[in-house]
Protein backbone atom coordinates (compact mmCIF):
# COMPACT_ATOMS: atom_id res chain seq x y z
CA UNK A 1 -0.02 0.02 0.26
CA UNK A 2 1.75 3.21 -1.22
CA UNK A 3 1.24 6.87 -1.34
CA UNK A 4 3.50 9.48 -3.00
CA UNK A 5 3.27 13.35 -1.76
CA UNK A 6 5.51 15.51 -3.91
CA UNK A 7 6.14 19.81 -4.02
CA UNK A 8 8.37 21.82 -5.92
CA UNK A 9 10.44 24.62 -5.11
CA UNK A 10 13.76 27.18 -5.11
CA UNK A 11 16.06 29.01 -3.10
CA UNK A 12 13.99 30.85 -1.42
CA UNK A 13 11.02 28.59 -0.76
CA UNK A 14 12.89 24.79 -0.94
CA UNK A 15 11.12 22.20 -1.46
CA UNK A 16 12.13 20.30 1.27
CA UNK A 17 10.04 22.45 4.02
CA UNK A 18 7.77 19.31 2.97
CA UNK A 19 9.60 17.83 5.76
CA UNK A 20 8.95 20.64 8.57
CA UNK A 21 5.15 20.41 7.55
CA UNK A 22 5.14 16.48 7.98
CA UNK A 23 7.28 16.67 10.78
CA UNK A 24 9.57 13.76 9.65
CA UNK A 25 13.13 14.30 8.90
CA UNK A 26 13.85 14.35 4.91
CA UNK A 27 17.23 12.47 5.33
CA UNK A 28 15.99 9.62 7.45
CA UNK A 29 13.90 6.65 6.87
CA UNK A 30 11.06 6.31 9.56
CA UNK A 31 8.71 3.44 11.09
CA UNK A 32 5.70 3.42 12.49
CA UNK A 33 3.83 0.33 14.13
CA UNK A 34 -0.12 0.23 13.60
CA UNK A 35 -2.32 -2.38 14.70
CA UNK A 36 -2.42 -3.91 11.56
CA UNK A 37 1.40 -3.91 10.12
CA UNK A 38 4.39 -1.39 9.95
CA UNK A 39 4.09 1.79 8.00
CA UNK A 40 7.41 3.52 6.90
CA UNK A 41 7.95 7.07 5.96
CA UNK A 42 10.96 7.78 3.24
CA UNK A 43 11.99 10.16 0.54
CA UNK A 44 12.87 8.78 -2.76
CA UNK A 45 13.91 12.82 -3.71
CA UNK A 46 14.71 15.43 -1.34
CA UNK A 47 15.96 18.75 -3.04
CA UNK A 48 15.62 22.35 -2.91
CA UNK A 49 13.73 22.14 -6.14
CA UNK A 50 11.63 19.01 -5.69
CA UNK A 51 10.91 17.09 -2.76
CA UNK A 52 8.59 13.81 -2.58
CA UNK A 53 7.86 12.05 0.63
CA UNK A 54 6.47 8.07 0.53
CA UNK A 55 4.35 6.21 2.51
CA UNK A 56 5.08 2.87 2.51
CA UNK A 57 2.03 0.36 4.85
CA UNK A 58 3.11 -2.89 5.10
CA UNK A 59 -0.43 -4.69 6.49
CA UNK A 60 0.05 -7.92 7.64
CA UNK A 61 -3.14 -9.91 7.09
CA UNK A 62 -2.85 -12.52 9.84
CA UNK A 63 -2.56 -9.59 12.45
CA UNK A 64 -5.93 -8.59 10.42
CA UNK A 65 -7.65 -11.36 11.16
CA UNK A 66 -6.47 -11.30 14.31
CA UNK A 67 -8.07 -7.73 15.46
CA UNK A 68 -10.79 -9.67 13.53
CA UNK A 69 -11.24 -12.38 15.98
CA UNK A 70 -10.15 -14.54 13.35
CA UNK A 71 -14.11 -15.16 12.34
CA UNK A 72 -14.67 -14.80 8.56
CA UNK A 73 -17.91 -12.79 7.35
CA UNK A 74 -21.04 -15.23 7.58
CA UNK A 75 -18.79 -18.11 9.02
CA UNK A 76 -18.35 -19.50 5.17
CA UNK A 77 -15.24 -21.30 4.52
CA UNK A 78 -14.54 -19.06 1.68
CA UNK A 79 -15.20 -15.80 4.02
CA UNK A 80 -12.68 -17.48 6.10
CA UNK A 81 -9.92 -17.74 3.41
CA UNK A 82 -10.57 -14.22 2.12
CA UNK A 83 -9.38 -12.60 5.31
CA UNK A 84 -5.50 -13.96 4.40
CA UNK A 85 -5.68 -13.81 0.52
CA UNK A 86 -7.13 -10.31 -0.34
CA UNK A 87 -6.34 -6.90 -1.94
CA UNK A 88 -5.55 -5.65 2.01
CA UNK A 89 -1.95 -5.54 1.77
CA UNK A 90 -1.55 -3.72 -1.80
CA UNK A 91 -4.67 -1.49 -2.22
CA UNK A 92 -5.41 2.02 -0.74
CA UNK A 93 -8.23 1.73 1.40
CA UNK A 94 -9.16 2.80 5.35
CA UNK A 95 -6.22 0.92 6.47
CA UNK A 96 -4.43 3.97 4.68
CA UNK A 97 -6.71 6.36 5.75
CA UNK A 98 -5.73 5.63 9.44
CA UNK A 99 -2.42 5.39 8.64
CA UNK A 100 -2.34 8.76 7.62
CA UNK A 101 -4.60 10.01 10.61
CA UNK A 102 -1.51 8.78 12.64
CA UNK A 103 1.55 9.04 11.38
CA UNK A 104 1.14 12.46 9.58
CA UNK A 105 -1.47 13.49 12.59
CA UNK A 106 -0.08 17.16 12.65
CA UNK A 107 0.23 17.87 9.32
CA UNK A 108 -3.69 16.66 8.98
CA UNK A 109 -4.59 18.62 11.46
CA UNK A 110 -2.44 21.34 10.13
CA UNK A 111 0.24 22.36 12.91
CA UNK A 112 3.59 23.14 12.02
CA UNK A 113 5.14 23.53 15.33
CA UNK A 114 9.07 24.23 13.85
CA UNK A 115 7.70 26.53 10.80
CA UNK A 116 3.89 27.51 11.93
CA UNK A 117 3.62 30.05 8.77
CA UNK A 118 4.44 27.35 6.47
CA UNK A 119 0.55 25.40 7.53
CA UNK A 120 -0.69 28.60 6.12
CA UNK A 121 0.81 28.36 2.80
CA UNK A 122 -0.75 26.90 -0.35
CA UNK A 123 2.07 24.91 -2.42
CA UNK A 124 2.18 22.91 -5.50
CA UNK A 125 1.48 19.39 -4.45
CA UNK A 126 0.93 16.18 -6.74
CA UNK A 127 0.06 13.28 -5.34
CA UNK A 128 0.21 9.40 -6.49
CA UNK A 129 -1.76 6.42 -5.25
CA UNK A 130 -0.37 3.20 -7.62
CA UNK A 131 -3.45 1.29 -6.64
CA UNK A 132 -6.87 2.81 -5.29
CA UNK A 133 -9.90 0.48 -5.34
CA UNK A 134 -12.72 2.77 -6.98
CA UNK A 135 -16.05 1.63 -6.67
CA UNK A 136 -17.64 3.36 -9.30
CA UNK A 137 -14.85 3.50 -11.43
CA UNK A 138 -13.02 6.53 -12.76
CA UNK A 139 -15.92 8.61 -13.22
CA UNK A 140 -16.68 8.77 -9.53
CA UNK A 141 -12.89 9.92 -8.80
CA UNK A 142 -13.50 12.84 -11.26
CA UNK A 143 -17.17 13.37 -9.16
CA UNK A 144 -15.36 13.57 -5.85
CA UNK A 145 -12.21 15.51 -6.90
CA UNK A 146 -12.71 18.11 -9.65
CA UNK A 147 -14.76 20.21 -6.86
CA UNK A 148 -11.63 20.76 -4.50
CA UNK A 149 -9.04 23.09 -6.65
CA UNK A 150 -7.25 20.08 -7.99
CA UNK A 151 -5.93 21.33 -11.94
CA UNK A 152 -5.32 17.79 -12.73
CA UNK A 153 -7.20 14.66 -11.60
CA UNK A 154 -5.89 11.56 -13.23
CA UNK A 155 -7.80 8.20 -12.73
CA UNK A 156 -6.05 5.86 -14.68
CA UNK A 157 -7.73 2.03 -14.93
CA UNK A 158 -5.52 -0.87 -13.95
CA UNK A 159 -6.22 -3.88 -16.62
CA UNK A 160 -7.27 -7.07 -14.95
CA UNK A 161 -3.91 -8.57 -16.89
CA UNK A 162 -1.68 -6.62 -19.30
CA UNK A 163 -1.01 -9.41 -21.12
CA UNK A 164 -5.13 -10.30 -22.00
CA UNK A 165 -6.19 -6.52 -22.26
CA UNK A 166 -9.54 -8.24 -23.61
CA UNK A 167 -10.40 -9.53 -20.03
CA UNK A 168 -10.53 -5.41 -19.43
CA UNK A 169 -10.34 -3.23 -16.45
CA UNK A 170 -9.95 -4.05 -12.99
CA UNK A 171 -11.61 -1.89 -9.69
CA UNK A 172 -8.64 -0.33 -9.28
CA UNK A 173 -7.29 3.25 -11.13
CA UNK A 174 -4.10 4.68 -10.62
CA UNK A 175 -4.76 8.67 -8.52
CA UNK A 176 -2.54 11.12 -9.76
CA UNK A 177 -3.39 14.57 -8.43
CA UNK A 178 -2.05 18.04 -9.12
CA UNK A 179 -2.72 21.66 -7.67
CA UNK A 180 -1.80 24.47 -5.45
CA UNK A 181 -3.29 23.39 -1.98
CA UNK A 182 -2.80 23.60 1.50
CA UNK A 183 -1.23 20.20 2.50
CA UNK A 184 -3.39 20.06 5.27
CA UNK A 185 -6.46 20.47 3.29
CA UNK A 186 -5.06 17.67 0.85
CA UNK A 187 -4.35 15.22 3.20
CA UNK A 188 -7.76 15.58 5.09
CA UNK A 189 -9.30 15.13 1.51
CA UNK A 190 -7.09 11.49 0.97
CA UNK A 191 -8.65 10.84 4.79
CA UNK A 192 -12.10 11.09 4.22
CA UNK A 193 -12.20 9.91 0.22
CA UNK A 194 -9.62 6.82 -0.05
CA UNK A 195 -12.54 4.88 1.87
CA UNK A 196 -15.44 6.12 0.68
CA UNK A 197 -14.13 5.02 -3.43
CA UNK A 198 -13.39 1.33 -1.23
CA UNK A 199 -16.47 1.97 -0.12
CA UNK A 200 -15.43 -0.32 2.93
CA UNK A 201 -13.82 0.26 6.59
CA UNK A 202 -11.27 -2.23 8.33
CA UNK A 203 -13.54 -1.18 11.85
CA UNK A 204 -16.69 -0.93 13.38
CA UNK A 205 -18.55 2.64 12.41
CA UNK A 206 -19.29 4.05 15.93
CA UNK A 207 -21.47 7.61 16.11
CA UNK A 208 -17.66 9.15 16.96
CA UNK A 209 -17.51 8.57 13.10
CA UNK A 210 -19.33 11.87 12.45
CA UNK A 211 -17.21 13.85 14.07
CA UNK A 212 -14.23 12.43 12.65
CA UNK A 213 -15.85 13.24 9.33
CA UNK A 214 -17.11 16.56 10.36
CA UNK A 215 -13.32 17.68 11.71
CA UNK A 216 -11.41 16.09 8.20
CA UNK A 217 -14.35 17.84 5.82
CA UNK A 218 -14.15 21.38 7.61
CA UNK A 219 -13.59 23.84 4.93
CA UNK A 220 -14.94 21.73 1.63
CA UNK A 221 -17.34 18.77 2.74
CA UNK A 222 -20.49 21.35 3.55
CA UNK A 223 -20.45 22.90 -0.26
CA UNK A 224 -19.25 19.30 -2.07
CA UNK A 225 -22.20 18.72 -4.45
CA UNK A 226 -21.72 14.48 -3.31
CA UNK A 227 -22.01 15.17 -0.04
CA UNK A 228 -24.31 12.66 0.38
CA UNK A 229 -22.42 9.76 -1.54
CA UNK A 230 -19.61 10.42 1.01
CA UNK A 231 -21.45 11.02 3.73
CA UNK A 232 -23.09 7.19 3.64
CA UNK A 233 -19.85 5.52 2.14
CA UNK A 234 -17.38 7.02 4.90
CA UNK A 235 -20.16 6.02 7.57
CA UNK A 236 -20.73 2.52 6.05
CA UNK A 237 -24.59 3.69 5.09
CA UNK A 238 -25.55 3.61 8.57
CA UNK A 239 -28.52 5.70 7.85
CA UNK A 240 -29.05 7.38 11.36
CA UNK A 241 -25.69 8.76 11.30
CA UNK A 242 -25.74 9.85 7.86
CA UNK A 243 -28.69 11.35 8.62
CA UNK A 244 -27.29 13.06 11.43
CA UNK A 245 -24.11 14.01 8.96
CA UNK A 246 -26.10 15.59 6.78
CA UNK A 247 -28.09 17.46 8.94
CA UNK A 248 -24.49 19.18 10.82
CA UNK A 249 -23.29 19.67 7.55
CA UNK A 250 -26.16 21.64 6.14
CA UNK A 251 -26.02 23.84 9.14
CA UNK A 252 -22.25 24.66 8.43
CA UNK A 253 -22.86 25.27 4.68
CA UNK A 254 -26.03 27.63 5.87
CA UNK A 255 -23.55 29.42 9.01
CA UNK A 256 -21.03 30.03 5.51
CA UNK A 257 -23.24 31.11 3.17
CA UNK A 258 -25.04 33.70 6.13
CA UNK A 259 -21.91 34.52 7.87
CA UNK A 260 -22.39 33.54 11.19
CA UNK A 261 -21.78 30.84 13.56
CA UNK A 262 -23.43 27.69 13.41
CA UNK A 263 -24.60 27.91 16.97
CA UNK A 264 -26.61 31.16 15.54
CA UNK A 265 -28.54 29.44 13.28
CA UNK A 266 -29.41 26.19 15.28
CA UNK A 267 -31.83 28.23 17.62
CA UNK A 268 -35.10 27.41 16.90
CA UNK A 269 -35.90 25.86 19.87
CA UNK A 270 -36.73 28.30 23.07
CA UNK A 271 -35.26 26.39 25.55
CA UNK A 272 -38.19 28.10 27.86
CA UNK A 273 -40.78 26.61 26.33
CA UNK A 274 -41.46 23.26 24.54
CA UNK A 275 -38.49 21.67 25.54
CA UNK A 276 -39.99 19.31 28.27
CA UNK A 277 -37.17 16.79 28.92
CA UNK A 278 -38.79 13.03 28.69
CA UNK A 279 -37.89 11.03 31.51
CA UNK A 280 -35.10 8.85 31.99
CA UNK A 281 -35.39 5.34 31.76
CA UNK A 282 -35.32 3.16 35.30
CA UNK A 283 -32.94 1.12 33.60
CA UNK A 284 -30.62 4.27 32.38
CA UNK A 285 -30.65 5.50 35.83
CA UNK A 286 -29.37 2.26 38.04
CA UNK A 287 -26.32 1.95 35.48
CA UNK A 288 -25.66 5.29 35.92
CA UNK A 289 -26.23 4.75 39.77
CA UNK A 290 -23.95 1.67 39.22
CA UNK A 291 -21.29 3.05 37.40
CA UNK A 292 -20.96 6.15 39.64
CA UNK A 293 -20.90 3.54 43.33
CA UNK A 294 -17.98 1.59 41.21
CA UNK A 295 -15.78 4.73 40.33
CA UNK A 296 -16.67 6.04 44.21
CA UNK A 297 -15.14 2.84 44.96
CA UNK A 298 -11.85 3.14 42.80
CA UNK A 299 -12.83 -0.16 41.16
CA UNK A 300 -10.58 -1.41 37.57
CA UNK A 301 -11.44 -4.97 37.84
CA UNK A 302 -15.46 -5.41 37.79
CA UNK A 303 -17.60 -8.66 37.82
CA UNK A 304 -21.23 -8.46 36.43
CA UNK A 305 -22.91 -11.41 38.05
CA UNK A 306 -25.65 -12.43 36.09
CA UNK A 307 -25.03 -10.01 33.17
CA UNK A 308 -28.00 -10.84 31.20
CA UNK A 309 -27.73 -9.34 27.69
CA UNK A 310 -25.10 -7.55 28.23
CA UNK A 311 -26.64 -3.60 28.74
CA UNK A 312 -24.36 -2.69 32.12
CA UNK A 313 -21.27 -4.46 30.32
CA UNK A 314 -21.65 -2.07 27.44
CA UNK A 315 -22.07 1.10 30.06
CA UNK A 316 -18.73 -0.44 31.48
CA UNK A 317 -16.92 -0.65 28.27
CA UNK A 318 -17.93 2.84 27.63
CA UNK A 319 -15.45 3.81 30.52
CA UNK A 320 -11.64 3.30 30.07
CA UNK A 321 -11.61 3.29 34.13
CA UNK A 322 -12.50 -0.38 34.34
CA UNK A 323 -9.70 -1.90 32.90
CA UNK A 324 -11.09 -5.52 33.31
CA UNK A 325 -14.41 -6.67 33.15
CA UNK A 326 -15.84 -9.95 33.05
CA UNK A 327 -19.74 -10.93 32.58
CA UNK A 328 -20.79 -14.07 34.25
CA UNK A 329 -24.41 -15.65 33.45
CA UNK A 330 -25.69 -19.17 33.28
CA UNK A 331 -27.30 -18.89 29.97
CA UNK A 332 -25.28 -19.34 26.82
CA UNK A 333 -28.07 -17.76 25.01
CA UNK A 334 -27.64 -14.46 27.55
CA UNK A 335 -24.41 -14.59 26.91
CA UNK A 336 -24.44 -14.70 22.80
CA UNK A 337 -26.43 -11.89 22.82
CA UNK A 338 -23.97 -10.23 25.61
CA UNK A 339 -21.28 -10.62 22.42
CA UNK A 340 -23.60 -9.41 20.01
CA UNK A 341 -24.65 -6.22 21.63
CA UNK A 342 -20.96 -5.85 22.56
CA UNK A 343 -19.92 -6.57 19.14
CA UNK A 344 -17.10 -8.21 20.50
CA UNK A 345 -16.14 -9.84 16.97
CA UNK A 346 -15.39 -6.27 15.65
CA UNK A 347 -13.31 -5.13 18.37
CA UNK A 348 -10.31 -3.93 18.26
CA UNK A 349 -7.98 -5.69 20.48
CA UNK A 350 -6.79 -3.04 22.88
CA UNK A 351 -10.48 -3.28 23.83
CA UNK A 352 -11.35 -6.96 23.51
CA UNK A 353 -8.64 -7.34 25.84
CA UNK A 354 -10.40 -5.45 28.80
CA UNK A 355 -13.73 -7.68 28.48
CA UNK A 356 -14.65 -11.33 29.45
CA UNK A 357 -17.72 -13.37 29.35
CA UNK A 358 -17.96 -16.62 31.56
CA UNK A 359 -20.73 -19.19 31.68
CA UNK A 360 -21.66 -20.36 35.44
CA UNK A 361 -24.34 -20.48 38.06
CA UNK A 362 -24.33 -17.98 41.18
CA UNK A 363 -25.43 -20.88 43.53
CA UNK A 364 -22.17 -22.69 43.66
CA UNK A 365 -18.57 -21.64 44.37
CA UNK A 366 -16.18 -20.59 41.13
CA UNK A 367 -12.52 -19.82 41.88
CA UNK A 368 -12.36 -17.68 38.63
CA UNK A 369 -14.31 -14.83 40.63
CA UNK A 370 -11.81 -14.38 43.44
CA UNK A 371 -9.76 -10.87 43.30
CA UNK A 372 -11.70 -8.75 41.89
CA UNK A 373 -12.00 -4.75 43.36
CA UNK A 374 -16.12 -5.23 42.89
CA UNK A 375 -18.86 -7.57 42.07
CA UNK A 376 -22.53 -6.22 40.81
CA UNK A 377 -25.78 -7.92 41.02
CA UNK A 378 -28.13 -5.77 39.15
CA UNK A 379 -31.50 -6.60 39.11
CA UNK A 380 -30.70 -10.60 40.10
CA UNK A 381 -31.59 -11.60 43.78
CA UNK A 382 -35.58 -11.64 42.81
CA UNK A 383 -35.05 -14.21 40.29
CA UNK A 384 -33.86 -16.60 42.51
CA UNK A 385 -35.87 -19.10 44.91
CA UNK A 386 -35.25 -17.83 48.61
CA UNK A 387 -33.99 -21.31 49.78
CA UNK A 388 -31.17 -20.60 47.18
CA UNK A 389 -29.83 -17.05 48.72
CA UNK A 390 -27.59 -18.48 51.20
CA UNK A 391 -25.51 -20.46 48.40
CA UNK A 392 -25.37 -17.38 46.31
CA UNK A 393 -24.69 -15.36 49.76
CA UNK A 394 -21.37 -17.64 50.10
CA UNK A 395 -20.38 -17.66 46.48
CA UNK A 396 -20.04 -13.61 46.40
CA UNK A 397 -19.32 -13.00 49.72
CA UNK A 398 -17.93 -15.88 51.06
CA UNK A 399 -15.83 -17.20 48.30
CA UNK A 400 -14.93 -14.07 45.80
CA UNK A 401 -14.89 -11.67 48.09
CA UNK A 402 -14.67 -8.65 46.01
CA UNK A 403 -13.77 -5.27 48.18
CA UNK A 404 -17.29 -3.75 46.98
CA UNK A 405 -20.27 -5.59 46.04
CA UNK A 406 -23.25 -3.65 44.23
CA UNK A 407 -26.65 -5.56 45.18
CA UNK A 408 -30.10 -3.68 43.44
CA UNK A 409 -33.45 -5.13 42.95
CA UNK A 410 -36.97 -3.38 43.20
CA UNK A 411 -38.75 -1.98 46.21
CA UNK A 412 -42.12 -3.39 45.95
CA UNK A 413 -44.03 -0.23 47.87
CA UNK A 414 -43.00 1.26 45.09
CA UNK A 415 -45.27 -0.87 42.80
CA UNK A 416 -48.86 1.02 43.55
CA UNK A 417 -47.11 3.81 41.49
CA UNK A 418 -47.06 1.99 38.33
CA UNK A 419 -50.65 2.88 36.44
CA UNK A 420 -49.66 -0.30 34.16
CA UNK A 421 -48.92 -2.85 36.75
CA UNK A 422 -51.86 -4.50 38.37
CA UNK A 423 -52.28 -4.63 42.00
CA UNK A 424 -50.83 -7.20 43.92
CA UNK A 425 -48.49 -8.41 40.95
CA UNK A 426 -44.42 -8.73 40.78
CA UNK A 427 -43.24 -6.12 38.21
CA UNK A 428 -41.92 -9.49 35.75
CA UNK A 429 -43.22 -12.94 35.86
CA UNK A 430 -39.75 -14.45 37.00
CA UNK A 431 -39.95 -12.51 39.99
CA UNK A 432 -39.74 -15.41 42.88
CA UNK A 433 -40.41 -12.15 45.25
CA UNK A 434 -39.97 -8.46 45.62
CA UNK A 435 -38.62 -6.91 49.11
CA UNK A 436 -39.97 -3.48 50.86
CA UNK A 437 -37.29 -1.29 52.14
CA UNK A 438 -37.21 -3.15 55.31
CA UNK A 439 -36.97 -6.75 54.48
CA UNK A 440 -34.10 -5.52 51.56
CA UNK A 441 -31.84 -3.44 54.38
CA UNK A 442 -32.79 -6.19 57.14
CA UNK A 443 -31.34 -9.17 54.69
CA UNK A 444 -28.04 -6.95 53.49
CA UNK A 445 -27.52 -6.07 57.10
CA UNK A 446 -27.60 -9.88 58.07
CA UNK A 447 -25.21 -10.69 55.00
CA UNK A 448 -22.85 -7.85 55.79
CA UNK A 449 -22.45 -8.83 59.53
CA UNK A 450 -21.84 -12.81 58.94
CA UNK A 451 -18.91 -12.05 55.75
CA UNK A 452 -17.45 -9.09 57.73
CA UNK A 453 -18.61 -5.82 55.30
CA UNK A 454 -20.47 -2.77 55.77
CA UNK A 455 -23.79 -1.63 53.94
CA UNK A 456 -24.96 1.46 53.39
CA UNK A 457 -27.92 2.44 50.80
CA UNK A 458 -28.31 4.25 47.71
CA UNK A 459 -32.23 5.51 46.30
CA UNK A 460 -32.13 4.70 42.67
CA UNK A 461 -34.70 6.50 40.59
CA UNK A 462 -37.47 9.10 42.10
CA UNK A 463 -37.22 9.06 45.76
CA UNK A 464 -41.31 9.29 46.62
CA UNK A 465 -41.42 10.48 50.11
CA UNK A 466 -44.50 7.76 50.79
CA UNK A 467 -43.22 4.72 49.63
CA UNK A 468 -39.46 5.37 48.50
CA UNK A 469 -37.37 4.53 45.04
CA UNK A 470 -38.65 2.51 42.88
CA UNK A 471 -35.23 0.44 43.16
CA UNK A 472 -32.79 -0.04 46.07
CA UNK A 473 -29.28 -0.20 46.22
CA UNK A 474 -27.19 -1.91 48.78
CA UNK A 475 -23.18 -1.14 48.62
CA UNK A 476 -21.34 -3.38 50.51
CA UNK A 477 -17.32 -2.42 51.37
CA UNK A 478 -15.16 -5.35 52.77
CA UNK A 479 -14.07 -4.46 56.61
CA UNK A 480 -12.01 -7.20 57.39
CA UNK A 481 -10.32 -9.72 55.56
CA UNK A 482 -10.24 -13.08 57.27
CA UNK A 483 -12.78 -15.66 56.49
CA UNK A 484 -12.65 -18.65 58.95
CA UNK A 485 -15.80 -17.37 60.41
CA UNK A 486 -17.33 -16.65 57.30
CA UNK A 487 -17.34 -20.03 56.06
CA UNK A 488 -18.57 -21.36 59.06
CA UNK A 489 -21.32 -19.17 59.31
CA UNK A 490 -22.00 -19.34 55.16
CA UNK A 491 -22.30 -23.23 55.40
CA UNK A 492 -25.22 -23.24 58.31
CA UNK A 493 -26.86 -20.43 56.76
CA UNK A 494 -30.86 -21.27 55.94
CA UNK A 495 -33.64 -18.94 54.66
CA UNK A 496 -34.05 -17.18 57.69
CA UNK A 497 -31.76 -14.40 55.91
CA UNK A 498 -35.28 -13.18 55.08
CA UNK A 499 -38.40 -12.36 56.99
CA UNK A 500 -41.13 -14.75 57.23
CA UNK A 501 -43.30 -12.17 55.60
CA UNK A 502 -40.83 -12.56 52.51
CA UNK A 503 -40.49 -16.46 52.94
CA UNK A 504 -44.01 -16.80 52.04
CA UNK A 505 -43.60 -15.54 48.24
CA UNK A 506 -41.44 -17.78 47.64
CA UNK A 507 -42.05 -20.14 44.63
CA UNK A 508 -40.93 -23.34 43.57
CA UNK A 509 -40.01 -22.60 39.97
CA UNK A 510 -36.33 -22.87 38.67
CA UNK A 511 -33.80 -20.50 39.57
CA UNK A 512 -32.94 -17.83 36.49
CA UNK A 513 -30.05 -15.05 36.68
CA UNK A 514 -30.68 -13.36 33.23
CA UNK A 515 -34.52 -12.06 32.89
CA UNK A 516 -33.53 -8.59 33.49
CA UNK A 517 -33.91 -4.83 32.75
CA UNK A 518 -37.63 -6.10 31.76
CA UNK A 519 -39.41 -4.48 34.75
CA UNK A 520 -42.32 -2.07 34.36
CA UNK A 521 -39.95 0.96 34.18
C-alpha cells in the first residue's frame, strides 16, 4: 500500500519544507507500528527544487484477521480464506486512511511547530496512489476530486492483466492529483475519500465517526455536491449516522453562506418553551447509579454477575477506568446476545482484552471470580427462589469476596405508582419475590455482618416520600479479610436471612438470573 506526496520549490522556498510540514526529516527513513502492520516514511528525492515523501504501509494479513477475532464474515469457508488472500496489503483503503491520520497527525491538523507559517501556505502538490479501489470507476473519482480545487485529476484504470487486454479493466485505478493547495487540506481530503472510494472500512463504525468526518471535511465537505454519497459511504451506510452528518453539514453550509456561527442558526427551539425532557428510563438510572458507585469505590476490575444481555457490560466498556470487565451468566443464549450487543467480534485488540464472558451459576463457588475489586448483582436476587439465596450469598461474599459488592433489586412498595401494573402483581413474571425497604435492609445487614462487610443504601430513581424509590441499591464494602468465621456461618446459613413475610412469596420455579431489565420501568 503506497502513496507519494511531491512538491517543488526554489532557493527562497525550498521544496524540502515538506519535511517540516510532515514532521518527518527528509534525511531519515522512519518506521511506525500500527495495529495492522508497519508504516514506513522515506524520501525518494529531497532537494530544494523537488521533494517527494513516500508512505509505505505493510499490512500483516494475519494481524488483520486476529484483530477481527479470526472469524470470516458469515462464517463461510471461502469468507474465512478471503481474510488471508485479499487486496488489503496492496490497495489503498481505510487502512491507509488511518495510517495517514496516525503518521501525519500534525500535518492533518494543519500544525507545524517548527515553522507555523508553512501550514497556512498553499504549495504545488502532486499526490500519487498506484492502486486505489474505486467502486464507481474513474467517473466517481472525478466527481469526488474535481470540485476540490485540483488542477489535474487523473484516474487511470488498472487492467486485470496487461497480457490479456480483452479481459478488461479491474476496479482499481492509478490516481494522480496535481494542484496548489494547503497540505492539510489535501491530507484531509484523502483521509475521507480513500475509504469512500473503496466503499468499505476495516473497523466498526461508531457514532463518533460523524465527528471525525466533520473534522476532516471542515472547509470543503459542506459545499461538496456529492456530500450525501460521501457521508453514506464513509459511515458504512448507517442511515441514522448519515442523517445526523447531513443535518450538521447543512447547518455548516447555511452558517457559511450567512456569515454567522452554527450556534446562531441552530436556535429555533426556545429553551424555555416546548422543551420538556422525556423521563430517563429506570434501567438507565440504575446503570448510572451503579457506575457512580463503582467509580466512588475506585474499582478497576469488575464482575457483572448475572450479566444477562450485556447492557451494564456495554456501559462499563464505555469508561476506560474499568480495565477488566467480566460478565457471568448461567445462560449461553444470554451470553451470545451480550457478545452480539458488545460487538466483540469487531472489537480492536486493546478493547477486547478488557472484557470476558463466562458461563457460570451464582449458586456455586467459582475460583475464576476471586480477586476482583467489585461485583455487581443488578436485578438478580429477585429471580432466585429464597432457599437458594444463602448459596449465592456464600459464593459472592464468602468465596469471591470482592472489596465492593453492589446489589440492586425492586422496591415492592413503589409498585403502587406503576399505573400499568395490576395490584398485587410483581414487576416481572420471573420474579420469585420483591422486597420492601425494611426486608431488603434486614437481609443486607445480616449478610454484611456474617461476612465482614459494612453496607450503605442508595435510592435509585425518583425517591417518593411515601413509598421510597423504585429501585433500592445496597453498597457493601469489605472491612476485614479473615474468612474463617465466614465459612462456618455461611455453610450453616438458611432461608432465615429473609423475614417470614418474605419467605411466603417464594415459589418452586427454577432459579433464573438472566431475565433482567424487564421491569415495568
